[in-house]
N, C-alpha and C. Protein backbone atom coordinates (compact mmCIF):
# COMPACT_ATOMS: atom_id res chain seq x y z
N MET A 1 18.53 -47.27 38.59
CA MET A 1 19.51 -46.47 37.86
C MET A 1 20.30 -45.57 38.74
N GLY A 2 21.57 -46.01 38.91
CA GLY A 2 22.48 -45.35 39.85
C GLY A 2 23.13 -44.09 39.38
N VAL A 3 23.63 -43.36 40.37
CA VAL A 3 24.61 -42.27 40.14
C VAL A 3 25.81 -42.51 40.88
N PRO A 4 26.97 -42.22 40.30
CA PRO A 4 28.25 -42.54 40.98
C PRO A 4 28.40 -41.80 42.42
N ASP A 5 29.12 -42.37 43.20
CA ASP A 5 29.39 -41.71 44.52
C ASP A 5 29.94 -40.31 44.29
N ASN A 6 29.45 -39.37 45.20
CA ASN A 6 29.97 -38.02 45.17
C ASN A 6 29.62 -37.19 43.91
N VAL A 7 28.63 -37.70 43.17
CA VAL A 7 28.26 -37.12 41.95
C VAL A 7 26.68 -36.79 42.09
N LYS A 8 26.32 -35.51 41.76
CA LYS A 8 24.86 -35.10 41.81
C LYS A 8 24.38 -34.74 40.46
N VAL A 9 23.11 -35.09 40.18
CA VAL A 9 22.46 -34.68 38.95
C VAL A 9 22.03 -33.26 39.11
N ILE A 10 21.84 -32.62 37.97
CA ILE A 10 21.43 -31.25 38.01
C ILE A 10 19.85 -31.12 38.43
N GLU A 11 19.46 -30.06 38.95
CA GLU A 11 18.04 -29.82 39.29
C GLU A 11 17.51 -28.96 38.25
N SER A 12 16.14 -28.80 38.22
CA SER A 12 15.41 -27.88 37.45
C SER A 12 15.81 -28.01 35.93
N PHE A 13 15.73 -29.21 35.36
CA PHE A 13 16.14 -29.49 34.01
C PHE A 13 14.88 -29.30 33.13
N ASP A 14 15.22 -28.45 32.06
CA ASP A 14 14.16 -28.21 30.96
C ASP A 14 14.39 -29.05 29.73
N ALA A 15 13.62 -30.14 29.57
CA ALA A 15 13.86 -31.05 28.48
C ALA A 15 13.78 -30.38 27.12
N ASN A 16 12.79 -29.35 27.02
CA ASN A 16 12.67 -28.71 25.68
C ASN A 16 13.79 -27.90 25.31
N GLN A 17 14.60 -27.35 26.19
CA GLN A 17 15.81 -26.61 25.89
C GLN A 17 16.91 -27.60 25.53
N TYR A 18 16.86 -28.76 25.98
CA TYR A 18 17.97 -29.87 25.79
C TYR A 18 17.76 -30.46 24.33
N LEU A 19 16.61 -30.38 23.91
CA LEU A 19 16.38 -31.04 22.51
C LEU A 19 17.18 -30.48 21.37
N GLY A 20 17.39 -31.28 20.39
CA GLY A 20 18.24 -30.85 19.28
C GLY A 20 19.51 -31.59 19.22
N THR A 21 20.47 -31.18 18.45
CA THR A 21 21.80 -31.85 18.26
C THR A 21 22.85 -31.32 19.18
N TRP A 22 23.62 -32.28 19.71
CA TRP A 22 24.82 -32.00 20.54
C TRP A 22 25.95 -32.71 19.89
N TYR A 23 27.12 -32.08 19.95
CA TYR A 23 28.40 -32.71 19.43
C TYR A 23 29.22 -33.16 20.57
N GLU A 24 29.71 -34.42 20.42
CA GLU A 24 30.53 -35.00 21.47
C GLU A 24 31.93 -34.41 21.38
N ILE A 25 32.37 -33.89 22.49
CA ILE A 25 33.70 -33.20 22.60
C ILE A 25 34.71 -34.17 23.19
N ALA A 26 34.26 -34.98 24.22
CA ALA A 26 35.22 -35.93 24.91
C ALA A 26 34.41 -37.01 25.45
N ARG A 27 34.99 -38.16 25.66
CA ARG A 27 34.34 -39.30 26.28
C ARG A 27 35.36 -40.25 26.85
N LEU A 28 34.90 -41.09 27.68
CA LEU A 28 35.66 -42.34 28.05
C LEU A 28 35.41 -43.36 27.11
N ASP A 29 36.31 -44.23 26.84
CA ASP A 29 36.27 -45.22 25.75
C ASP A 29 35.26 -46.33 26.05
N HIS A 30 34.40 -46.71 25.09
CA HIS A 30 33.53 -47.84 25.16
C HIS A 30 33.46 -48.44 23.84
N SER A 31 33.17 -49.73 23.75
CA SER A 31 33.13 -50.35 22.45
C SER A 31 32.13 -49.85 21.50
N PHE A 32 30.97 -49.39 21.92
CA PHE A 32 29.92 -48.97 21.06
C PHE A 32 30.34 -47.61 20.35
N GLU A 33 31.30 -46.90 20.83
CA GLU A 33 31.76 -45.70 20.13
C GLU A 33 33.17 -45.81 19.66
N ARG A 34 33.90 -46.86 19.81
CA ARG A 34 35.28 -46.95 19.59
C ARG A 34 35.62 -46.59 18.10
N GLY A 35 36.49 -45.73 17.92
CA GLY A 35 37.01 -45.39 16.56
C GLY A 35 36.18 -44.39 15.93
N LEU A 36 35.15 -43.94 16.47
CA LEU A 36 34.16 -42.96 15.73
C LEU A 36 34.60 -41.49 15.92
N ASP A 37 34.46 -40.77 14.79
CA ASP A 37 34.70 -39.30 14.76
C ASP A 37 33.30 -38.72 14.54
N ASN A 38 33.29 -37.32 14.65
CA ASN A 38 32.12 -36.64 14.28
C ASN A 38 30.87 -37.18 14.86
N VAL A 39 31.05 -37.47 16.27
CA VAL A 39 29.90 -38.11 16.89
C VAL A 39 28.94 -37.01 17.36
N THR A 40 27.60 -37.28 17.14
CA THR A 40 26.58 -36.36 17.67
C THR A 40 25.48 -37.15 18.29
N ALA A 41 24.73 -36.43 19.11
CA ALA A 41 23.50 -37.00 19.81
C ALA A 41 22.37 -36.07 19.47
N THR A 42 21.36 -36.54 18.94
CA THR A 42 20.23 -35.77 18.63
C THR A 42 19.02 -36.20 19.39
N TYR A 43 18.27 -35.23 20.13
CA TYR A 43 17.23 -35.52 21.06
C TYR A 43 15.97 -34.87 20.56
N SER A 44 14.86 -35.64 20.52
CA SER A 44 13.52 -35.05 20.17
C SER A 44 12.55 -35.73 21.08
N LEU A 45 11.40 -35.02 21.21
CA LEU A 45 10.27 -35.60 22.08
C LEU A 45 9.64 -36.86 21.31
N ARG A 46 9.21 -37.75 22.23
CA ARG A 46 8.43 -38.91 21.75
C ARG A 46 6.95 -38.80 22.05
N ASP A 47 6.08 -39.33 21.53
CA ASP A 47 4.67 -39.22 21.78
C ASP A 47 4.31 -39.73 23.18
N ASP A 48 5.09 -40.61 23.75
CA ASP A 48 4.72 -41.21 25.09
C ASP A 48 5.42 -40.38 26.17
N GLY A 49 5.96 -39.23 25.84
CA GLY A 49 6.52 -38.32 26.92
C GLY A 49 8.02 -38.50 27.14
N GLY A 50 8.49 -39.56 26.46
CA GLY A 50 10.02 -39.78 26.50
C GLY A 50 10.82 -38.91 25.55
N ILE A 51 12.07 -39.22 25.44
CA ILE A 51 12.91 -38.54 24.54
C ILE A 51 13.49 -39.51 23.52
N LYS A 52 13.41 -39.27 22.27
CA LYS A 52 14.09 -40.13 21.27
C LYS A 52 15.55 -39.64 21.17
N VAL A 53 16.40 -40.63 21.21
CA VAL A 53 17.94 -40.34 21.04
C VAL A 53 18.43 -41.08 19.79
N ILE A 54 19.10 -40.22 19.08
CA ILE A 54 19.80 -40.73 17.85
C ILE A 54 21.32 -40.37 18.02
N ASN A 55 22.19 -41.42 18.15
CA ASN A 55 23.59 -41.22 18.37
C ASN A 55 24.22 -41.65 16.98
N ARG A 56 25.10 -40.75 16.52
CA ARG A 56 25.60 -40.96 15.18
C ARG A 56 27.10 -40.64 15.15
N GLY A 57 27.91 -41.44 14.49
CA GLY A 57 29.37 -41.23 14.34
C GLY A 57 29.96 -41.76 13.07
N PHE A 58 31.01 -41.26 12.62
CA PHE A 58 31.67 -41.62 11.37
C PHE A 58 32.94 -42.44 11.72
N ASN A 59 32.98 -43.65 11.14
CA ASN A 59 34.18 -44.51 11.20
C ASN A 59 35.13 -44.17 9.92
N PRO A 60 36.24 -43.56 10.33
CA PRO A 60 37.15 -43.15 9.20
C PRO A 60 37.78 -44.37 8.49
N ASN A 61 37.95 -45.55 9.24
CA ASN A 61 38.47 -46.66 8.63
C ASN A 61 37.62 -47.33 7.67
N THR A 62 36.35 -47.45 8.00
CA THR A 62 35.39 -48.11 6.97
C THR A 62 34.69 -47.13 6.12
N LYS A 63 34.92 -45.83 6.40
CA LYS A 63 34.19 -44.78 5.63
C LYS A 63 32.69 -44.92 5.76
N GLU A 64 32.13 -45.29 6.90
CA GLU A 64 30.74 -45.53 7.07
C GLU A 64 30.26 -44.76 8.39
N TRP A 65 28.99 -44.34 8.31
CA TRP A 65 28.34 -43.75 9.41
C TRP A 65 27.75 -44.88 10.20
N LYS A 66 27.83 -44.79 11.58
CA LYS A 66 27.23 -45.75 12.41
C LYS A 66 26.15 -45.01 13.28
N GLU A 67 24.97 -45.61 13.34
CA GLU A 67 23.93 -44.85 14.01
C GLU A 67 23.11 -45.77 14.94
N ALA A 68 22.70 -45.29 16.13
CA ALA A 68 21.95 -46.11 17.06
C ALA A 68 20.73 -45.19 17.56
N THR A 69 19.58 -45.70 17.53
CA THR A 69 18.40 -45.03 17.95
C THR A 69 17.90 -45.60 19.31
N GLY A 70 17.65 -44.85 20.25
CA GLY A 70 17.22 -45.14 21.63
C GLY A 70 16.19 -44.31 22.11
N LYS A 71 15.81 -44.55 23.34
CA LYS A 71 14.72 -43.76 24.03
C LYS A 71 15.16 -43.53 25.41
N ALA A 72 14.75 -42.41 25.99
CA ALA A 72 15.16 -42.10 27.44
C ALA A 72 13.91 -41.61 28.10
N TYR A 73 13.84 -41.83 29.40
CA TYR A 73 12.74 -41.42 30.18
C TYR A 73 13.27 -40.81 31.54
N PHE A 74 12.54 -39.87 31.99
CA PHE A 74 12.97 -39.26 33.35
C PHE A 74 12.72 -40.32 34.44
N ILE A 75 13.60 -40.42 35.47
CA ILE A 75 13.44 -41.30 36.44
C ILE A 75 12.71 -40.57 37.58
N ASP A 76 13.00 -39.30 37.86
CA ASP A 76 12.33 -38.45 38.80
C ASP A 76 11.50 -37.48 38.02
N PRO A 77 10.24 -37.84 37.60
CA PRO A 77 9.53 -37.03 36.55
C PRO A 77 9.28 -35.63 36.99
N ALA A 78 9.14 -35.32 38.13
CA ALA A 78 8.96 -33.88 38.56
C ALA A 78 9.24 -33.69 40.11
N ASN A 79 9.84 -32.49 40.34
CA ASN A 79 10.10 -32.14 41.72
C ASN A 79 8.88 -31.37 42.25
N ALA A 80 8.92 -30.91 43.38
CA ALA A 80 7.84 -30.11 43.88
C ALA A 80 7.56 -28.85 43.11
N ASP A 81 8.64 -28.27 42.40
CA ASP A 81 8.40 -27.12 41.54
C ASP A 81 8.01 -27.55 40.17
N LYS A 82 7.71 -28.83 39.92
CA LYS A 82 7.23 -29.34 38.67
C LYS A 82 8.26 -29.37 37.52
N THR A 83 9.56 -29.34 37.94
CA THR A 83 10.67 -29.44 37.02
C THR A 83 11.23 -30.78 37.14
N ASN A 84 11.93 -31.30 36.12
CA ASN A 84 12.62 -32.53 36.13
C ASN A 84 14.00 -32.38 36.66
N THR A 85 14.59 -33.45 37.10
CA THR A 85 16.05 -33.50 37.36
C THR A 85 16.73 -33.99 36.13
N GLY A 86 18.03 -34.08 36.25
CA GLY A 86 18.89 -34.54 35.12
C GLY A 86 19.04 -35.98 35.24
N LYS A 87 18.18 -36.76 35.83
CA LYS A 87 18.35 -38.16 36.04
C LYS A 87 17.33 -38.92 35.10
N LEU A 88 17.99 -39.58 34.07
CA LEU A 88 17.19 -40.30 33.21
C LEU A 88 17.65 -41.72 32.95
N LYS A 89 16.83 -42.55 32.37
CA LYS A 89 17.23 -43.93 31.99
C LYS A 89 17.15 -43.98 30.48
N VAL A 90 18.09 -44.60 29.84
CA VAL A 90 18.15 -44.65 28.37
C VAL A 90 18.33 -46.12 27.89
N SER A 91 17.68 -46.42 26.82
CA SER A 91 17.82 -47.80 26.16
C SER A 91 18.08 -47.69 24.71
N PHE A 92 19.01 -48.61 24.28
CA PHE A 92 19.28 -48.68 22.84
C PHE A 92 19.13 -50.11 22.42
N PHE A 93 18.84 -50.99 23.44
CA PHE A 93 18.76 -52.47 23.26
C PHE A 93 17.60 -53.10 23.96
N GLY A 94 16.40 -52.75 23.42
CA GLY A 94 15.14 -53.45 23.85
C GLY A 94 14.83 -53.01 25.29
N PRO A 95 14.55 -53.96 26.15
CA PRO A 95 14.06 -53.64 27.47
C PRO A 95 15.17 -53.27 28.50
N PHE A 96 16.40 -53.23 27.97
CA PHE A 96 17.52 -53.00 28.98
C PHE A 96 17.82 -51.45 29.04
N TYR A 97 17.80 -50.92 30.15
CA TYR A 97 18.08 -49.50 30.42
C TYR A 97 19.34 -49.25 31.23
N GLY A 98 19.99 -48.16 30.86
CA GLY A 98 21.13 -47.73 31.56
C GLY A 98 21.03 -46.29 32.12
N ALA A 99 21.81 -45.90 33.08
CA ALA A 99 21.61 -44.58 33.71
C ALA A 99 22.25 -43.53 32.70
N TYR A 100 21.55 -42.42 32.61
CA TYR A 100 21.91 -41.23 31.85
C TYR A 100 21.78 -39.99 32.83
N ASN A 101 22.94 -39.63 33.35
CA ASN A 101 22.91 -38.62 34.45
C ASN A 101 23.54 -37.36 33.87
N ILE A 102 22.74 -36.25 33.98
CA ILE A 102 23.28 -34.94 33.57
C ILE A 102 23.86 -34.30 34.81
N ILE A 103 25.17 -34.15 34.92
CA ILE A 103 25.79 -33.71 36.03
C ILE A 103 26.32 -32.26 36.02
N GLU A 104 26.31 -31.67 34.84
CA GLU A 104 26.73 -30.29 34.64
C GLU A 104 26.05 -29.76 33.39
N LEU A 105 25.47 -28.58 33.48
CA LEU A 105 24.77 -27.95 32.35
C LEU A 105 24.92 -26.44 32.40
N ASP A 106 25.18 -25.89 31.31
CA ASP A 106 25.34 -24.50 31.14
C ASP A 106 23.96 -23.79 31.15
N LYS A 107 23.45 -23.55 32.33
CA LYS A 107 22.11 -22.91 32.48
C LYS A 107 22.27 -21.45 32.46
N PRO A 108 21.48 -20.65 31.87
CA PRO A 108 20.23 -21.04 31.17
C PRO A 108 20.41 -21.23 29.72
N TYR A 109 21.56 -21.27 29.27
CA TYR A 109 21.82 -21.34 27.85
C TYR A 109 21.86 -22.73 27.22
N TYR A 110 22.19 -23.74 27.99
CA TYR A 110 22.25 -25.13 27.46
C TYR A 110 23.20 -25.29 26.24
N ASN A 111 24.44 -24.71 26.47
CA ASN A 111 25.52 -24.80 25.39
C ASN A 111 26.35 -26.01 25.52
N TYR A 112 26.59 -26.46 26.82
CA TYR A 112 27.38 -27.59 27.08
C TYR A 112 26.97 -28.35 28.22
N VAL A 113 27.31 -29.63 28.31
CA VAL A 113 26.80 -30.51 29.29
C VAL A 113 27.86 -31.63 29.58
N MET A 114 27.75 -32.06 30.85
CA MET A 114 28.59 -33.26 31.26
C MET A 114 27.54 -34.34 31.61
N ILE A 115 27.82 -35.53 31.19
CA ILE A 115 26.90 -36.65 31.39
C ILE A 115 27.73 -37.88 31.87
N CYS A 116 27.20 -38.64 32.81
CA CYS A 116 27.82 -39.88 33.28
C CYS A 116 26.72 -40.95 33.28
N GLY A 117 27.27 -42.19 33.44
CA GLY A 117 26.43 -43.40 33.56
C GLY A 117 26.31 -43.74 35.03
N PRO A 118 26.04 -45.08 35.34
CA PRO A 118 25.84 -45.51 36.64
C PRO A 118 27.12 -45.53 37.48
N ASP A 119 28.29 -45.47 36.80
CA ASP A 119 29.55 -45.50 37.55
C ASP A 119 30.44 -44.50 36.77
N LYS A 120 31.67 -44.41 37.29
CA LYS A 120 32.63 -43.43 36.70
C LYS A 120 33.37 -43.93 35.50
N SER A 121 32.94 -45.09 34.96
CA SER A 121 33.56 -45.53 33.60
C SER A 121 32.81 -44.97 32.39
N TYR A 122 31.66 -44.36 32.64
CA TYR A 122 30.85 -43.75 31.59
C TYR A 122 30.90 -42.23 31.73
N PHE A 123 31.32 -41.49 30.84
CA PHE A 123 31.50 -40.05 30.87
C PHE A 123 31.54 -39.44 29.56
N TRP A 124 30.87 -38.41 29.36
CA TRP A 124 30.82 -37.58 28.12
C TRP A 124 30.82 -36.03 28.35
N ILE A 125 31.36 -35.25 27.53
CA ILE A 125 31.25 -33.83 27.43
C ILE A 125 30.61 -33.55 26.01
N LEU A 126 29.49 -32.89 26.05
CA LEU A 126 28.84 -32.53 24.75
C LEU A 126 28.73 -30.96 24.68
N SER A 127 28.57 -30.55 23.44
CA SER A 127 28.42 -29.06 23.19
C SER A 127 27.46 -28.84 22.03
N ARG A 128 26.86 -27.75 21.99
CA ARG A 128 25.99 -27.37 20.99
C ARG A 128 26.70 -27.04 19.63
N THR A 129 28.04 -26.84 19.78
CA THR A 129 28.89 -26.58 18.63
C THR A 129 29.94 -27.64 18.48
N PRO A 130 30.48 -27.79 17.32
CA PRO A 130 31.53 -28.88 17.17
C PRO A 130 32.78 -28.70 17.93
N GLN A 131 33.02 -27.47 18.29
CA GLN A 131 34.25 -27.21 19.16
C GLN A 131 33.77 -26.38 20.41
N LEU A 132 34.45 -26.63 21.54
CA LEU A 132 34.21 -26.01 22.74
C LEU A 132 35.35 -25.17 23.06
N SER A 133 35.19 -23.95 23.61
CA SER A 133 36.38 -23.11 23.82
C SER A 133 37.32 -23.80 24.84
N TYR A 134 38.58 -23.49 24.68
CA TYR A 134 39.57 -24.08 25.59
C TYR A 134 39.41 -23.85 27.06
N PRO A 135 39.01 -22.60 27.48
CA PRO A 135 38.80 -22.35 28.95
C PRO A 135 37.61 -23.28 29.44
N ILE A 136 36.61 -23.27 28.68
CA ILE A 136 35.38 -24.05 29.20
C ILE A 136 35.72 -25.58 29.22
N LYS A 137 36.32 -26.09 28.27
CA LYS A 137 36.80 -27.46 28.13
C LYS A 137 37.69 -27.77 29.34
N GLN A 138 38.62 -26.89 29.62
CA GLN A 138 39.50 -27.15 30.79
C GLN A 138 38.78 -27.16 32.02
N HIS A 139 37.77 -26.21 32.22
CA HIS A 139 36.97 -26.14 33.38
C HIS A 139 36.16 -27.46 33.66
N LEU A 140 35.52 -27.90 32.59
CA LEU A 140 34.77 -29.15 32.70
C LEU A 140 35.63 -30.34 33.00
N ILE A 141 36.90 -30.38 32.45
CA ILE A 141 37.71 -31.44 32.68
C ILE A 141 38.22 -31.47 34.15
N ALA A 142 38.50 -30.25 34.64
CA ALA A 142 38.98 -30.16 36.03
C ALA A 142 37.88 -30.57 36.94
N GLN A 143 36.61 -30.15 36.60
CA GLN A 143 35.41 -30.53 37.47
C GLN A 143 35.31 -32.04 37.38
N ALA A 144 35.44 -32.70 36.34
CA ALA A 144 35.25 -34.06 36.16
C ALA A 144 36.33 -34.82 37.06
N LYS A 145 37.54 -34.30 36.93
CA LYS A 145 38.64 -34.92 37.65
C LYS A 145 38.40 -34.80 39.22
N GLU A 146 37.88 -33.69 39.63
CA GLU A 146 37.53 -33.47 40.98
C GLU A 146 36.47 -34.42 41.45
N LEU A 147 35.53 -34.69 40.61
CA LEU A 147 34.45 -35.72 40.86
C LEU A 147 34.93 -37.29 40.89
N GLY A 148 36.16 -37.46 40.45
CA GLY A 148 36.69 -38.80 40.44
C GLY A 148 36.74 -39.48 39.12
N PHE A 149 36.43 -38.84 38.01
CA PHE A 149 36.49 -39.46 36.70
C PHE A 149 37.92 -39.43 36.22
N ASP A 150 38.35 -40.38 35.50
CA ASP A 150 39.72 -40.61 35.07
C ASP A 150 39.87 -39.86 33.78
N THR A 151 40.24 -38.57 34.00
CA THR A 151 40.24 -37.61 32.81
C THR A 151 41.52 -37.88 32.01
N ASP A 152 42.52 -38.57 32.50
CA ASP A 152 43.64 -38.98 31.70
C ASP A 152 43.30 -39.93 30.59
N LYS A 153 42.20 -40.60 30.72
CA LYS A 153 41.78 -41.51 29.67
C LYS A 153 40.68 -40.99 28.76
N LEU A 154 40.42 -39.64 28.87
CA LEU A 154 39.47 -39.04 27.98
C LEU A 154 39.85 -39.15 26.39
N ILE A 155 38.93 -39.42 25.54
CA ILE A 155 39.23 -39.39 24.15
C ILE A 155 38.57 -38.08 23.59
N TYR A 156 39.31 -37.34 22.91
CA TYR A 156 38.87 -36.05 22.38
C TYR A 156 38.37 -36.31 20.92
N VAL A 157 37.14 -36.13 20.71
CA VAL A 157 36.52 -36.51 19.47
C VAL A 157 36.84 -35.51 18.35
N ASN A 158 37.27 -36.06 17.20
CA ASN A 158 37.49 -35.26 16.00
C ASN A 158 36.18 -34.88 15.43
N GLN A 159 35.87 -33.57 15.48
CA GLN A 159 34.62 -32.98 14.88
C GLN A 159 35.02 -32.23 13.58
N SER A 160 35.77 -32.79 12.85
CA SER A 160 36.23 -32.17 11.61
C SER A 160 35.19 -31.99 10.47
N PRO A 161 35.13 -30.70 10.01
CA PRO A 161 34.11 -30.47 8.91
C PRO A 161 34.52 -31.18 7.53
N GLU A 162 35.75 -31.78 7.55
CA GLU A 162 36.30 -32.41 6.40
C GLU A 162 35.76 -33.83 6.25
N VAL A 163 35.02 -34.38 7.16
CA VAL A 163 34.67 -35.76 7.03
C VAL A 163 33.79 -36.01 5.79
N VAL A 164 34.11 -37.02 5.10
CA VAL A 164 33.49 -37.23 3.79
C VAL A 164 32.15 -38.10 4.05
N ASN A 165 31.10 -37.65 3.36
CA ASN A 165 29.87 -38.28 3.46
C ASN A 165 29.78 -39.46 2.34
N TYR A 166 29.68 -40.66 2.85
CA TYR A 166 29.67 -41.80 1.91
C TYR A 166 28.29 -42.26 1.71
N GLU A 167 27.26 -41.58 2.22
CA GLU A 167 25.80 -42.02 2.08
C GLU A 167 25.41 -41.97 0.62
N ALA A 168 24.70 -42.94 0.25
CA ALA A 168 24.09 -43.00 -1.14
C ALA A 168 25.21 -42.91 -2.17
N GLY A 169 26.40 -43.34 -1.91
CA GLY A 169 27.54 -43.37 -2.96
C GLY A 169 28.03 -42.06 -3.31
N ARG A 170 27.67 -41.02 -2.59
CA ARG A 170 28.16 -39.58 -2.92
C ARG A 170 29.44 -39.42 -2.01
N HIS A 171 30.35 -38.64 -2.50
CA HIS A 171 31.49 -38.25 -1.80
C HIS A 171 31.45 -36.75 -1.65
N VAL A 172 30.81 -36.28 -0.57
CA VAL A 172 30.61 -34.80 -0.36
C VAL A 172 31.29 -34.41 0.94
N THR A 173 31.99 -33.33 0.83
CA THR A 173 32.62 -32.82 2.09
C THR A 173 31.53 -32.10 2.90
N GLN A 174 31.42 -32.45 4.10
CA GLN A 174 30.40 -31.80 5.05
C GLN A 174 30.86 -30.52 5.46
């Protein structure tokens, strides 16, 4: 599981603080998320020591939610100080794993995060809230650009509270 050139994963990562729901603020385009709004990632502990991942997004064209459940495991389980690094492997498709590298994190608060894959074509900015303040967003984008990510191609995710919930045939504004 690789890390892109000139990119480092965070040290002293506390998985328990990372658990819960994160809102996708920006991403580079990929087919598995194309066209989705109100994208979230929810993390919880698994019995085997890994992390359960539920990615969810709303397709405004089909008026349907799309959801994928996966699992993640630490690649470097513990450093000398018994803390994990932000280097994980994640799988949504059976035995196939991809790199999940946490490269920026708002410590000690865990309010926002930057994640990348094995190369610079995979990149996300997540936040604990549906909106991220403009100064913080601009800081993260500048940092990503400095690391070599193509920030001109970022997709800014609509996290509108007006998305209609079409589950169970109900039309409810969230």
